[in-house]
């Protein structure tokens, strides 16, 4: 059975009133952002190493 389009939380933004929930959500967002940053830096480092170690 399909959910109706107006199902709460289906396509809604995260808007709680609880400060603890907001803090948890922000912490999770920050952690994900930091992981993305680390992955991006690692890919960049690998690319530069590969370019530097190319045989001529």
N, C-alpha and C. Protein backbone atom coordinates (compact mmCIF):
# COMPACT_ATOMS: atom_id res chain seq x y z
N UNK A 1 0.85 -1.19 0.00
CA UNK A 1 0.00 0.00 0.00
C UNK A 1 0.89 1.25 0.00
N UNK A 2 0.70 2.12 -0.93
CA UNK A 2 1.52 3.33 -1.06
C UNK A 2 1.13 4.38 -0.03
N UNK A 3 2.10 5.14 0.37
CA UNK A 3 1.85 6.23 1.32
C UNK A 3 1.28 7.42 0.56
N UNK A 4 0.42 8.18 1.18
CA UNK A 4 -0.09 9.38 0.51
C UNK A 4 1.01 10.44 0.39
N UNK A 5 0.85 11.34 -0.54
CA UNK A 5 1.86 12.38 -0.76
C UNK A 5 2.06 13.26 0.46
N UNK A 6 1.03 13.43 1.25
CA UNK A 6 1.12 14.30 2.41
C UNK A 6 1.66 13.60 3.66
N UNK A 7 2.24 12.42 3.50
CA UNK A 7 2.77 11.69 4.65
C UNK A 7 3.83 12.53 5.35
N UNK A 8 3.69 12.79 6.66
CA UNK A 8 4.66 13.65 7.34
C UNK A 8 6.05 13.01 7.35
N UNK A 9 7.03 13.78 6.95
CA UNK A 9 8.39 13.29 6.92
C UNK A 9 8.80 12.70 5.59
N UNK A 10 7.85 12.52 4.70
CA UNK A 10 8.16 11.90 3.41
C UNK A 10 9.14 12.76 2.61
N UNK A 11 8.80 14.01 2.42
CA UNK A 11 9.67 14.92 1.67
C UNK A 11 9.88 16.22 2.42
N UNK A 12 9.79 16.17 3.74
CA UNK A 12 9.87 17.40 4.51
C UNK A 12 11.30 17.63 4.99
N UNK A 13 11.61 18.87 5.27
CA UNK A 13 12.90 19.23 5.85
C UNK A 13 12.91 18.83 7.31
N UNK A 14 14.12 18.75 7.88
CA UNK A 14 14.27 18.40 9.30
C UNK A 14 13.98 19.65 10.13
N UNK A 15 12.83 19.68 10.81
CA UNK A 15 12.46 20.87 11.58
C UNK A 15 11.90 20.49 12.95
N UNK A 16 12.73 19.94 13.83
CA UNK A 16 12.21 19.64 15.17
C UNK A 16 12.26 20.87 16.07
N UNK A 17 11.53 20.81 17.15
CA UNK A 17 11.55 21.90 18.13
C UNK A 17 12.48 21.58 19.29
N UNK A 18 12.89 20.32 19.40
CA UNK A 18 13.72 19.87 20.51
C UNK A 18 15.18 20.27 20.28
N UNK A 19 15.78 21.07 21.17
CA UNK A 19 17.18 21.49 20.99
C UNK A 19 18.15 20.32 20.96
N UNK A 20 17.86 19.26 21.73
CA UNK A 20 18.74 18.09 21.74
C UNK A 20 18.72 17.39 20.38
N UNK A 21 17.54 17.30 19.78
CA UNK A 21 17.43 16.66 18.47
C UNK A 21 18.15 17.49 17.42
N UNK A 22 18.04 18.81 17.52
CA UNK A 22 18.74 19.69 16.58
C UNK A 22 20.24 19.52 16.72
N UNK A 23 20.73 19.43 17.96
CA UNK A 23 22.17 19.25 18.20
C UNK A 23 22.65 17.92 17.65
N UNK A 24 21.86 16.86 17.86
CA UNK A 24 22.24 15.54 17.34
C UNK A 24 22.32 15.57 15.82
N UNK A 25 21.32 16.17 15.20
CA UNK A 25 21.27 16.25 13.74
C UNK A 25 22.48 17.03 13.21
N UNK A 26 22.80 18.13 13.86
CA UNK A 26 23.94 18.95 13.44
C UNK A 26 25.24 18.17 13.60
N UNK A 27 25.37 17.41 14.68
CA UNK A 27 26.58 16.61 14.90
C UNK A 27 26.74 15.56 13.80
N UNK A 28 25.63 14.93 13.43
CA UNK A 28 25.68 13.93 12.36
C UNK A 28 26.06 14.59 11.04
N UNK A 29 25.47 15.75 10.76
CA UNK A 29 25.80 16.48 9.53
C UNK A 29 27.27 16.85 9.50
N UNK A 30 27.78 17.36 10.62
CA UNK A 30 29.19 17.76 10.69
C UNK A 30 30.11 16.56 10.47
N UNK A 31 29.75 15.42 11.06
CA UNK A 31 30.56 14.21 10.90
C UNK A 31 30.60 13.78 9.44
N UNK A 32 29.42 13.78 8.79
CA UNK A 32 29.36 13.41 7.37
C UNK A 32 30.18 14.37 6.52
N UNK A 33 30.07 15.66 6.82
CA UNK A 33 30.81 16.67 6.07
C UNK A 33 32.32 16.45 6.23
N UNK A 34 32.76 16.13 7.44
CA UNK A 34 34.18 15.89 7.69
C UNK A 34 34.65 14.65 6.94
N UNK A 35 33.83 13.60 6.92
CA UNK A 35 34.20 12.39 6.17
C UNK A 35 34.31 12.68 4.68
N UNK A 36 33.36 13.47 4.16
CA UNK A 36 33.43 13.84 2.73
C UNK A 36 34.70 14.61 2.44
N UNK A 37 35.04 15.52 3.35
CA UNK A 37 36.25 16.32 3.18
C UNK A 37 37.49 15.44 3.16
N UNK A 38 37.54 14.45 4.08
CA UNK A 38 38.68 13.54 4.14
C UNK A 38 38.78 12.69 2.86
N UNK A 39 37.64 12.18 2.39
CA UNK A 39 37.65 11.38 1.17
C UNK A 39 38.12 12.20 -0.02
N UNK A 40 37.62 13.44 -0.09
CA UNK A 40 38.02 14.34 -1.18
C UNK A 40 39.52 14.57 -1.16
N UNK A 41 40.06 14.81 0.03
CA UNK A 41 41.51 15.05 0.17
C UNK A 41 42.30 13.81 -0.20
N UNK A 42 41.80 12.64 0.21
CA UNK A 42 42.49 11.38 -0.12
C UNK A 42 42.50 11.15 -1.63
N UNK A 43 41.37 11.39 -2.29
CA UNK A 43 41.33 11.23 -3.76
C UNK A 43 42.28 12.21 -4.43
N UNK A 44 42.34 13.42 -3.92
CA UNK A 44 43.24 14.44 -4.48
C UNK A 44 44.70 14.01 -4.31
N UNK A 45 45.02 13.50 -3.11
CA UNK A 45 46.39 13.06 -2.83
C UNK A 45 46.77 11.90 -3.74
N UNK A 46 45.85 10.93 -3.92
CA UNK A 46 46.13 9.79 -4.80
C UNK A 46 46.35 10.25 -6.23
N UNK A 47 45.53 11.19 -6.67
CA UNK A 47 45.65 11.70 -8.04
C UNK A 47 46.99 12.39 -8.23
N UNK A 48 47.40 13.19 -7.26
CA UNK A 48 48.68 13.89 -7.37
C UNK A 48 49.85 12.92 -7.31
N UNK A 49 49.77 11.91 -6.45
CA UNK A 49 50.83 10.91 -6.37
C UNK A 49 50.94 10.14 -7.68
N UNK A 50 49.80 9.77 -8.24
CA UNK A 50 49.80 9.03 -9.50
C UNK A 50 50.43 9.87 -10.60
N UNK A 51 50.11 11.15 -10.60
CA UNK A 51 50.66 12.05 -11.61
C UNK A 51 52.17 12.23 -11.42
N UNK A 52 52.61 12.33 -10.17
CA UNK A 52 54.02 12.55 -9.87
C UNK A 52 54.86 11.30 -10.15
N UNK A 53 54.28 10.12 -9.98
CA UNK A 53 55.03 8.88 -10.14
C UNK A 53 54.90 8.26 -11.53
N UNK A 54 54.39 9.03 -12.46
CA UNK A 54 54.22 8.52 -13.82
C UNK A 54 55.58 8.26 -14.46
N UNK A 55 55.69 7.16 -15.19
CA UNK A 55 56.95 6.90 -15.91
C UNK A 55 57.04 7.80 -17.12
N UNK A 56 58.27 8.21 -17.41
CA UNK A 56 58.44 9.10 -18.57
C UNK A 56 59.03 8.37 -19.72
